[in-house]
Amino acid sequence: MRVHLCAALPAARYGTQGLVGVSVKTYSKLAAFGVYFCLSLVLAVSPVWAANLDESDENGDGKADQWLEELGDERFKLTIDRDFDGTVDYSLIYRSNGYKEYEELDFNFDGEMDDFYFYRSGVLDYRRVDTNYDGQIDLWVFLDEGVYIWKVERDTDFDGEIDYKKEYGPPPPGK
């Protein structure tokens, strides 16, 4: 059975816990991030950045809120202050061919990154999430082809130990 990352699972059918043991609230976070995820990809390869600008002031307040840094080895880092409070809450590392390598997001704007995305050859491979914003990862989502969930692990009682595991078939080749 394949579970699509962007699948919306209605609470009426699955209760407060979704099909993979993730709350409906967490699914909402996934859906909301999907919109921002697509926007960030457009920003990362837009002609504005191709002009080699080091920083940008998107809201016109005179303070930079987007930065592009060349890391070397054809890698770049884009950082964004999405709520214009002076604190970076989104970071993306990508290659000159447009492939993403790593992405992190401060979903609740508390100054701490809590969603982490890892890519293999530009395709989302797995995600680590701090769902309760305590600074500790408590959800791991492993993907096939960047969209199909093949395994989920959770620390449901937030004690640092994985106590929920669900696999949706054998691991994909190379995983």
N, C-alpha and C. Protein backbone atom coordinates (compact mmCIF):
# COMPACT_ATOMS: atom_id res chain seq x y z
N MET A 1 0.84 -1.18 0.00
CA MET A 1 0.00 0.00 0.00
C MET A 1 0.89 1.24 0.00
N ARG A 2 0.57 2.21 -0.84
CA ARG A 2 1.32 3.46 -0.90
C ARG A 2 0.47 4.57 -0.31
N VAL A 3 1.07 5.38 0.54
CA VAL A 3 0.39 6.52 1.13
C VAL A 3 1.08 7.76 0.59
N HIS A 4 0.33 8.62 -0.05
CA HIS A 4 0.87 9.83 -0.64
C HIS A 4 1.10 10.87 0.44
N LEU A 5 2.24 11.56 0.40
CA LEU A 5 2.58 12.56 1.40
C LEU A 5 1.52 13.65 1.49
N CYS A 6 0.93 14.04 0.38
CA CYS A 6 -0.02 15.14 0.36
C CYS A 6 -1.46 14.66 0.56
N ALA A 7 -1.65 13.40 0.89
CA ALA A 7 -3.00 12.88 1.06
C ALA A 7 -3.65 13.49 2.29
N ALA A 8 -4.84 14.00 2.12
CA ALA A 8 -5.60 14.55 3.25
C ALA A 8 -6.50 13.45 3.78
N LEU A 9 -6.37 13.13 5.05
CA LEU A 9 -7.16 12.06 5.64
C LEU A 9 -8.21 12.66 6.55
N PRO A 10 -9.48 12.53 6.18
CA PRO A 10 -10.54 13.18 6.96
C PRO A 10 -10.64 12.64 8.37
N ALA A 11 -10.84 13.54 9.33
CA ALA A 11 -10.95 13.15 10.74
C ALA A 11 -12.17 12.26 10.97
N ALA A 12 -13.23 12.47 10.20
CA ALA A 12 -14.43 11.66 10.39
C ALA A 12 -14.16 10.18 10.15
N ARG A 13 -13.25 9.88 9.24
CA ARG A 13 -12.96 8.49 8.92
C ARG A 13 -11.93 7.89 9.85
N TYR A 14 -10.92 8.67 10.24
CA TYR A 14 -9.81 8.14 11.02
C TYR A 14 -9.74 8.66 12.44
N GLY A 15 -10.66 9.50 12.85
CA GLY A 15 -10.62 10.07 14.19
C GLY A 15 -9.55 11.13 14.29
N THR A 16 -9.07 11.39 15.51
CA THR A 16 -8.05 12.43 15.68
C THR A 16 -6.69 11.96 15.21
N GLN A 17 -6.49 10.65 15.08
CA GLN A 17 -5.24 10.13 14.55
C GLN A 17 -5.47 9.70 13.11
N GLY A 18 -4.58 10.09 12.23
CA GLY A 18 -4.70 9.74 10.83
C GLY A 18 -4.28 8.30 10.58
N LEU A 19 -4.27 7.91 9.34
CA LEU A 19 -3.95 6.56 8.91
C LEU A 19 -2.57 6.12 9.38
N VAL A 20 -1.60 7.03 9.44
CA VAL A 20 -0.23 6.68 9.81
C VAL A 20 0.08 7.05 11.25
N GLY A 21 -0.93 7.27 12.08
CA GLY A 21 -0.70 7.58 13.48
C GLY A 21 -0.29 9.01 13.71
N VAL A 22 -0.53 9.87 12.74
CA VAL A 22 -0.19 11.28 12.85
C VAL A 22 -1.49 12.04 12.98
N SER A 23 -1.55 13.00 13.87
CA SER A 23 -2.78 13.73 14.12
C SER A 23 -3.20 14.52 12.89
N VAL A 24 -4.48 14.83 12.84
CA VAL A 24 -5.01 15.63 11.74
C VAL A 24 -4.33 16.99 11.72
N LYS A 25 -3.99 17.53 12.91
CA LYS A 25 -3.28 18.80 12.99
C LYS A 25 -1.94 18.72 12.25
N THR A 26 -1.24 17.60 12.42
CA THR A 26 0.04 17.42 11.74
C THR A 26 -0.17 17.33 10.24
N TYR A 27 -1.24 16.67 9.81
CA TYR A 27 -1.54 16.62 8.37
C TYR A 27 -1.79 18.03 7.84
N SER A 28 -2.44 18.87 8.64
CA SER A 28 -2.69 20.25 8.23
C SER A 28 -1.37 20.99 8.06
N LYS A 29 -0.41 20.72 8.98
CA LYS A 29 0.92 21.33 8.85
C LYS A 29 1.57 20.90 7.53
N LEU A 30 1.44 19.60 7.21
CA LEU A 30 2.02 19.10 5.96
C LEU A 30 1.42 19.81 4.76
N ALA A 31 0.10 19.97 4.75
CA ALA A 31 -0.58 20.61 3.63
C ALA A 31 -0.18 22.08 3.53
N ALA A 32 -0.15 22.79 4.66
CA ALA A 32 0.23 24.19 4.65
C ALA A 32 1.66 24.35 4.16
N PHE A 33 2.53 23.45 4.59
CA PHE A 33 3.91 23.56 4.15
C PHE A 33 4.04 23.28 2.66
N GLY A 34 3.18 22.43 2.11
CA GLY A 34 3.23 22.12 0.68
C GLY A 34 3.16 23.37 -0.17
N VAL A 35 2.30 24.31 0.20
CA VAL A 35 2.17 25.56 -0.53
C VAL A 35 3.47 26.34 -0.43
N TYR A 36 4.04 26.46 0.78
CA TYR A 36 5.28 27.20 0.95
C TYR A 36 6.45 26.50 0.25
N PHE A 37 6.43 25.17 0.28
CA PHE A 37 7.46 24.36 -0.37
C PHE A 37 7.53 24.71 -1.85
N CYS A 38 6.39 24.76 -2.53
CA CYS A 38 6.35 25.09 -3.95
C CYS A 38 6.83 26.52 -4.19
N LEU A 39 6.42 27.46 -3.33
CA LEU A 39 6.85 28.83 -3.45
C LEU A 39 8.36 28.95 -3.29
N SER A 40 8.93 28.22 -2.35
CA SER A 40 10.37 28.31 -2.11
C SER A 40 11.16 27.79 -3.30
N LEU A 41 10.64 26.79 -3.98
CA LEU A 41 11.33 26.26 -5.16
C LEU A 41 11.36 27.32 -6.24
N VAL A 42 10.25 28.03 -6.43
CA VAL A 42 10.20 29.11 -7.43
C VAL A 42 11.18 30.21 -7.07
N LEU A 43 11.21 30.60 -5.78
CA LEU A 43 12.14 31.64 -5.35
C LEU A 43 13.59 31.23 -5.55
N ALA A 44 13.88 29.97 -5.29
CA ALA A 44 15.26 29.50 -5.34
C ALA A 44 15.85 29.55 -6.75
N VAL A 45 15.03 29.42 -7.77
CA VAL A 45 15.55 29.40 -9.13
C VAL A 45 15.09 30.61 -9.94
N SER A 46 14.56 31.63 -9.27
CA SER A 46 14.05 32.79 -9.99
C SER A 46 15.18 33.63 -10.56
N PRO A 47 14.91 34.40 -11.61
CA PRO A 47 15.92 35.24 -12.23
C PRO A 47 16.50 36.29 -11.28
N VAL A 48 15.74 36.71 -10.25
CA VAL A 48 16.26 37.68 -9.30
C VAL A 48 17.51 37.14 -8.63
N TRP A 49 17.46 35.88 -8.19
CA TRP A 49 18.63 35.29 -7.55
C TRP A 49 19.72 34.99 -8.55
N ALA A 50 19.36 34.69 -9.79
CA ALA A 50 20.36 34.40 -10.81
C ALA A 50 21.25 35.62 -11.06
N ALA A 51 20.79 36.81 -10.66
CA ALA A 51 21.56 38.03 -10.83
C ALA A 51 22.63 38.16 -9.74
N ASN A 52 22.79 37.14 -8.90
CA ASN A 52 23.81 37.11 -7.84
C ASN A 52 23.60 38.16 -6.77
N LEU A 53 22.36 38.42 -6.39
CA LEU A 53 22.10 39.32 -5.28
C LEU A 53 22.39 38.58 -3.98
N ASP A 54 23.05 39.27 -3.04
CA ASP A 54 23.38 38.65 -1.77
C ASP A 54 22.23 38.73 -0.78
N GLU A 55 21.43 39.79 -0.86
CA GLU A 55 20.32 39.95 0.05
C GLU A 55 19.21 40.72 -0.63
N SER A 56 18.01 40.60 -0.04
CA SER A 56 16.84 41.22 -0.63
C SER A 56 15.90 41.68 0.47
N ASP A 57 15.24 42.81 0.25
CA ASP A 57 14.25 43.34 1.19
C ASP A 57 12.88 43.18 0.55
N GLU A 58 12.19 42.12 0.90
CA GLU A 58 10.92 41.79 0.26
C GLU A 58 9.76 42.66 0.71
N ASN A 59 9.77 43.17 1.93
CA ASN A 59 8.64 43.96 2.42
C ASN A 59 8.91 45.46 2.41
N GLY A 60 10.08 45.88 1.92
CA GLY A 60 10.37 47.29 1.75
C GLY A 60 10.57 48.09 3.02
N ASP A 61 10.95 47.41 4.12
CA ASP A 61 11.16 48.13 5.38
C ASP A 61 12.60 48.60 5.57
N GLY A 62 13.43 48.38 4.56
CA GLY A 62 14.81 48.82 4.65
C GLY A 62 15.76 47.80 5.26
N LYS A 63 15.21 46.67 5.71
CA LYS A 63 16.03 45.61 6.30
C LYS A 63 15.94 44.36 5.43
N ALA A 64 17.08 43.72 5.20
CA ALA A 64 17.09 42.50 4.39
C ALA A 64 16.32 41.40 5.10
N ASP A 65 15.59 40.62 4.33
CA ASP A 65 14.86 39.48 4.88
C ASP A 65 15.02 38.22 4.05
N GLN A 66 15.84 38.28 3.01
CA GLN A 66 16.22 37.10 2.23
C GLN A 66 17.70 37.23 1.88
N TRP A 67 18.42 36.11 2.03
CA TRP A 67 19.84 36.12 1.77
C TRP A 67 20.21 34.92 0.92
N LEU A 68 21.12 35.12 0.00
CA LEU A 68 21.64 34.03 -0.82
C LEU A 68 23.14 33.99 -0.64
N GLU A 69 23.63 32.82 -0.29
CA GLU A 69 25.06 32.64 -0.02
C GLU A 69 25.59 31.51 -0.88
N GLU A 70 26.72 31.73 -1.54
CA GLU A 70 27.36 30.66 -2.30
C GLU A 70 28.24 29.88 -1.34
N LEU A 71 27.99 28.57 -1.23
CA LEU A 71 28.74 27.72 -0.31
C LEU A 71 29.96 27.09 -0.95
N GLY A 72 30.08 27.20 -2.25
CA GLY A 72 31.16 26.53 -2.98
C GLY A 72 30.70 25.17 -3.47
N ASP A 73 31.49 24.53 -4.31
CA ASP A 73 31.15 23.22 -4.85
C ASP A 73 29.76 23.23 -5.49
N GLU A 74 29.42 24.36 -6.15
CA GLU A 74 28.15 24.53 -6.85
C GLU A 74 26.94 24.38 -5.93
N ARG A 75 27.10 24.79 -4.66
CA ARG A 75 26.01 24.73 -3.69
C ARG A 75 25.70 26.13 -3.20
N PHE A 76 24.43 26.37 -2.91
CA PHE A 76 23.96 27.67 -2.47
C PHE A 76 23.05 27.51 -1.26
N LYS A 77 22.99 28.55 -0.44
CA LYS A 77 22.10 28.55 0.72
C LYS A 77 21.21 29.78 0.64
N LEU A 78 19.91 29.53 0.64
CA LEU A 78 18.92 30.58 0.66
C LEU A 78 18.30 30.60 2.05
N THR A 79 18.32 31.76 2.71
CA THR A 79 17.68 31.89 4.01
C THR A 79 16.66 33.02 3.93
N ILE A 80 15.54 32.83 4.64
CA ILE A 80 14.44 33.80 4.56
C ILE A 80 13.88 34.05 5.96
N ASP A 81 13.59 35.30 6.23
CA ASP A 81 12.83 35.71 7.41
C ASP A 81 11.40 35.91 6.91
N ARG A 82 10.57 34.88 7.03
CA ARG A 82 9.24 34.89 6.44
C ARG A 82 8.26 35.84 7.13
N ASP A 83 8.44 36.10 8.42
CA ASP A 83 7.51 36.97 9.13
C ASP A 83 8.13 38.34 9.45
N PHE A 84 9.30 38.62 8.88
CA PHE A 84 9.95 39.93 8.96
C PHE A 84 10.22 40.41 10.39
N ASP A 85 10.56 39.46 11.29
CA ASP A 85 10.85 39.83 12.68
C ASP A 85 12.34 39.88 12.97
N GLY A 86 13.19 39.69 11.96
CA GLY A 86 14.63 39.73 12.15
C GLY A 86 15.26 38.38 12.41
N THR A 87 14.46 37.31 12.48
CA THR A 87 14.96 35.97 12.74
C THR A 87 14.71 35.08 11.52
N VAL A 88 15.75 34.41 11.06
CA VAL A 88 15.61 33.48 9.93
C VAL A 88 14.73 32.32 10.36
N ASP A 89 13.72 32.02 9.56
CA ASP A 89 12.83 30.91 9.87
C ASP A 89 12.65 29.95 8.69
N TYR A 90 13.48 30.09 7.67
CA TYR A 90 13.50 29.14 6.55
C TYR A 90 14.90 29.12 5.98
N SER A 91 15.39 27.93 5.68
CA SER A 91 16.71 27.79 5.09
C SER A 91 16.68 26.65 4.08
N LEU A 92 17.33 26.86 2.96
CA LEU A 92 17.38 25.88 1.89
C LEU A 92 18.80 25.81 1.35
N ILE A 93 19.32 24.60 1.23
CA ILE A 93 20.60 24.38 0.55
C ILE A 93 20.30 23.63 -0.73
N TYR A 94 20.79 24.16 -1.84
CA TYR A 94 20.53 23.53 -3.13
C TYR A 94 21.76 23.63 -4.02
N ARG A 95 21.76 22.82 -5.06
CA ARG A 95 22.87 22.78 -6.01
C ARG A 95 22.57 23.69 -7.19
N SER A 96 23.59 24.00 -7.97
CA SER A 96 23.42 24.89 -9.11
C SER A 96 22.48 24.30 -10.17
N ASN A 97 22.29 22.98 -10.16
CA ASN A 97 21.36 22.36 -11.11
C ASN A 97 19.92 22.45 -10.63
N GLY A 98 19.69 23.11 -9.48
CA GLY A 98 18.35 23.28 -8.94
C GLY A 98 17.93 22.20 -7.96
N TYR A 99 18.74 21.16 -7.79
CA TYR A 99 18.40 20.07 -6.87
C TYR A 99 18.54 20.54 -5.42
N LYS A 100 17.50 20.31 -4.65
CA LYS A 100 17.57 20.60 -3.22
C LYS A 100 18.39 19.52 -2.53
N GLU A 101 19.12 19.92 -1.47
CA GLU A 101 19.86 18.98 -0.63
C GLU A 101 19.28 18.91 0.77
N TYR A 102 18.92 20.07 1.31
CA TYR A 102 18.48 20.15 2.71
C TYR A 102 17.61 21.39 2.87
N GLU A 103 16.63 21.27 3.73
CA GLU A 103 15.71 22.37 3.95
C GLU A 103 15.27 22.32 5.42
N GLU A 104 15.11 23.48 6.03
CA GLU A 104 14.60 23.52 7.40
C GLU A 104 13.66 24.71 7.54
N LEU A 105 12.72 24.55 8.47
CA LEU A 105 11.66 25.53 8.61
C LEU A 105 11.28 25.68 10.08
N ASP A 106 11.11 26.92 10.51
CA ASP A 106 10.55 27.21 11.83
C ASP A 106 9.06 27.42 11.61
N PHE A 107 8.29 26.36 11.78
CA PHE A 107 6.87 26.39 11.44
C PHE A 107 6.07 27.33 12.32
N ASN A 108 6.38 27.38 13.61
CA ASN A 108 5.59 28.19 14.54
C ASN A 108 6.24 29.53 14.89
N PHE A 109 7.32 29.90 14.19
CA PHE A 109 7.98 31.20 14.35
C PHE A 109 8.44 31.48 15.78
N ASP A 110 8.95 30.44 16.47
CA ASP A 110 9.45 30.64 17.83
C ASP A 110 10.96 30.82 17.88
N GLY A 111 11.60 30.88 16.72
CA GLY A 111 13.05 31.07 16.66
C GLY A 111 13.84 29.79 16.59
N GLU A 112 13.17 28.63 16.65
CA GLU A 112 13.83 27.32 16.57
C GLU A 112 13.30 26.55 15.37
N MET A 113 14.21 26.04 14.55
CA MET A 113 13.79 25.23 13.41
C MET A 113 13.15 23.94 13.92
N ASP A 114 12.03 23.54 13.33
CA ASP A 114 11.36 22.33 13.81
C ASP A 114 10.94 21.37 12.71
N ASP A 115 11.10 21.71 11.46
CA ASP A 115 10.84 20.80 10.33
C ASP A 115 12.11 20.72 9.50
N PHE A 116 12.59 19.49 9.26
CA PHE A 116 13.85 19.29 8.54
C PHE A 116 13.62 18.32 7.39
N TYR A 117 14.07 18.69 6.20
CA TYR A 117 13.84 17.90 4.99
C TYR A 117 15.19 17.52 4.38
N PHE A 118 15.34 16.26 4.04
CA PHE A 118 16.58 15.75 3.48
C PHE A 118 16.30 15.18 2.09
N TYR A 119 17.13 15.55 1.13
CA TYR A 119 16.92 15.18 -0.26
C TYR A 119 18.05 14.29 -0.77
N ARG A 120 17.72 13.43 -1.69
CA ARG A 120 18.71 12.60 -2.39
C ARG A 120 18.50 12.83 -3.87
N SER A 121 19.52 13.36 -4.55
CA SER A 121 19.44 13.70 -5.98
C SER A 121 18.25 14.61 -6.26
N GLY A 122 17.99 15.55 -5.38
CA GLY A 122 16.92 16.52 -5.58
C GLY A 122 15.53 16.04 -5.23
N VAL A 123 15.40 14.80 -4.76
CA VAL A 123 14.09 14.22 -4.43
C VAL A 123 14.01 14.06 -2.92
N LEU A 124 12.89 14.48 -2.33
CA LEU A 124 12.71 14.37 -0.89
C LEU A 124 12.84 12.92 -0.46
N ASP A 125 13.77 12.66 0.48
CA ASP A 125 14.08 11.30 0.93
C ASP A 125 13.44 11.02 2.29
N TYR A 126 13.59 11.94 3.23
CA TYR A 126 12.96 11.78 4.54
C TYR A 126 12.81 13.13 5.22
N ARG A 127 11.97 13.12 6.23
CA ARG A 127 11.65 14.35 6.96
C ARG A 127 11.70 14.05 8.45
N ARG A 128 12.26 14.99 9.22
CA ARG A 128 12.26 14.91 10.69
C ARG A 128 11.51 16.13 11.21
N VAL A 129 10.63 15.91 12.20
CA VAL A 129 9.78 16.99 12.68
C VAL A 129 9.74 16.99 14.21
N ASP A 130 9.79 18.18 14.77
CA ASP A 130 9.53 18.39 16.19
C ASP A 130 8.08 18.85 16.27
N THR A 131 7.16 17.93 16.49
CA THR A 131 5.73 18.24 16.40
C THR A 131 5.20 19.02 17.60
N ASN A 132 5.86 18.92 18.75
CA ASN A 132 5.38 19.63 19.94
C ASN A 132 6.28 20.81 20.31
N TYR A 133 7.24 21.14 19.46
CA TYR A 133 8.10 22.32 19.61
C TYR A 133 8.89 22.36 20.91
N ASP A 134 9.40 21.18 21.33
CA ASP A 134 10.21 21.12 22.55
C ASP A 134 11.71 21.03 22.23
N GLY A 135 12.08 21.13 20.96
CA GLY A 135 13.48 21.07 20.57
C GLY A 135 13.98 19.66 20.27
N GLN A 136 13.10 18.65 20.39
CA GLN A 136 13.48 17.26 20.14
C GLN A 136 12.65 16.69 18.98
N ILE A 137 13.32 16.01 18.07
CA ILE A 137 12.62 15.37 16.95
C ILE A 137 11.76 14.24 17.49
N ASP A 138 10.49 14.19 17.05
CA ASP A 138 9.60 13.13 17.51
C ASP A 138 8.79 12.50 16.37
N LEU A 139 9.05 12.89 15.14
CA LEU A 139 8.39 12.28 13.99
C LEU A 139 9.40 12.15 12.86
N TRP A 140 9.50 10.94 12.30
CA TRP A 140 10.35 10.67 11.16
C TRP A 140 9.47 10.09 10.06
N VAL A 141 9.54 10.70 8.88
CA VAL A 141 8.74 10.23 7.74
C VAL A 141 9.71 9.90 6.62
N PHE A 142 9.68 8.64 6.15
CA PHE A 142 10.58 8.17 5.10
C PHE A 142 9.79 8.02 3.82
N LEU A 143 10.33 8.54 2.72
CA LEU A 143 9.58 8.61 1.47
C LEU A 143 10.21 7.81 0.34
N ASP A 144 9.37 7.44 -0.59
CA ASP A 144 9.78 6.82 -1.84
C ASP A 144 9.35 7.75 -2.96
N GLU A 145 10.24 8.03 -3.88
CA GLU A 145 9.97 8.92 -5.01
C GLU A 145 9.56 10.32 -4.57
N GLY A 146 9.89 10.69 -3.35
CA GLY A 146 9.63 12.03 -2.86
C GLY A 146 8.22 12.31 -2.41
N VAL A 147 7.28 11.40 -2.63
CA VAL A 147 5.88 11.67 -2.26
C VAL A 147 5.19 10.53 -1.56
N TYR A 148 5.68 9.30 -1.69
CA TYR A 148 5.00 8.15 -1.11
C TYR A 148 5.64 7.78 0.23
N ILE A 149 4.86 7.79 1.28
CA ILE A 149 5.37 7.42 2.59
C ILE A 149 5.52 5.91 2.64
N TRP A 150 6.74 5.44 2.93
CA TRP A 150 6.92 3.99 3.06
C TRP A 150 7.15 3.58 4.51
N LYS A 151 7.53 4.57 5.36
CA LYS A 151 7.73 4.26 6.77
C LYS A 151 7.56 5.52 7.61
N VAL A 152 6.96 5.34 8.79
CA VAL A 152 6.79 6.42 9.76
C VAL A 152 7.25 5.91 11.11
N GLU A 153 7.98 6.77 11.83
CA GLU A 153 8.38 6.46 13.20
C GLU A 153 8.02 7.66 14.06
N ARG A 154 7.55 7.39 15.30
CA ARG A 154 7.14 8.47 16.19
C ARG A 154 7.58 8.20 17.62
N ASP A 155 7.84 9.27 18.31
CA ASP A 155 8.02 9.24 19.76
C ASP A 155 6.74 9.87 20.30
N THR A 156 5.74 9.04 20.56
CA THR A 156 4.41 9.54 20.89
C THR A 156 4.31 10.14 22.29
N ASP A 157 5.19 9.72 23.21
CA ASP A 157 5.13 10.27 24.57
C ASP A 157 6.28 11.24 24.85
N PHE A 158 7.05 11.59 23.81
CA PHE A 158 8.09 12.61 23.87
C PHE A 158 9.16 12.34 24.91
N ASP A 159 9.53 11.04 25.08
CA ASP A 159 10.58 10.68 26.03
C ASP A 159 11.92 10.42 25.36
N GLY A 160 12.01 10.66 24.05
CA GLY A 160 13.26 10.45 23.33
C GLY A 160 13.40 9.07 22.71
N GLU A 161 12.43 8.20 22.92
CA GLU A 161 12.46 6.84 22.38
C GLU A 161 11.34 6.65 21.36
N ILE A 162 11.68 6.05 20.24
CA ILE A 162 10.67 5.75 19.23
C ILE A 162 9.77 4.64 19.77
N ASP A 163 8.46 4.91 19.82
CA ASP A 163 7.54 3.91 20.34
C ASP A 163 6.40 3.59 19.37
N TYR A 164 6.46 4.13 18.18
CA TYR A 164 5.49 3.80 17.14
C TYR A 164 6.24 3.67 15.83
N LYS A 165 6.05 2.55 15.14
CA LYS A 165 6.65 2.33 13.82
C LYS A 165 5.59 1.73 12.92
N LYS A 166 5.54 2.23 11.69
CA LYS A 166 4.60 1.69 10.72
C LYS A 166 5.30 1.67 9.36
N GLU A 167 5.31 0.50 8.73
CA GLU A 167 5.86 0.37 7.38
C GLU A 167 4.73 0.00 6.44
N TYR A 168 4.81 0.53 5.24
CA TYR A 168 3.78 0.29 4.23
C TYR A 168 4.34 -0.56 3.10
N GLY A 169 4.98 -1.63 3.47
CA GLY A 169 5.60 -2.51 2.48
C GLY A 169 7.10 -2.51 2.67
N PRO A 170 7.79 -3.24 1.80
CA PRO A 170 9.25 -3.32 1.93
C PRO A 170 9.90 -1.98 1.58
N PRO A 171 11.10 -1.76 2.11
CA PRO A 171 11.79 -0.51 1.76
C PRO A 171 12.03 -0.43 0.26
N PRO A 172 11.94 0.76 -0.30
CA PRO A 172 12.24 0.93 -1.72
C PRO A 172 13.69 0.56 -2.02
N PRO A 173 14.02 0.25 -3.25
CA PRO A 173 15.41 -0.08 -3.60
C PRO A 173 16.36 1.03 -3.17
N GLY A 174 17.46 0.64 -2.55
CA GLY A 174 18.48 1.60 -2.11
C GLY A 174 18.20 2.24 -0.77
N LYS A 175 17.15 1.83 -0.08
CA LYS A 175 16.82 2.43 1.23
C LYS A 175 17.10 1.47 2.35
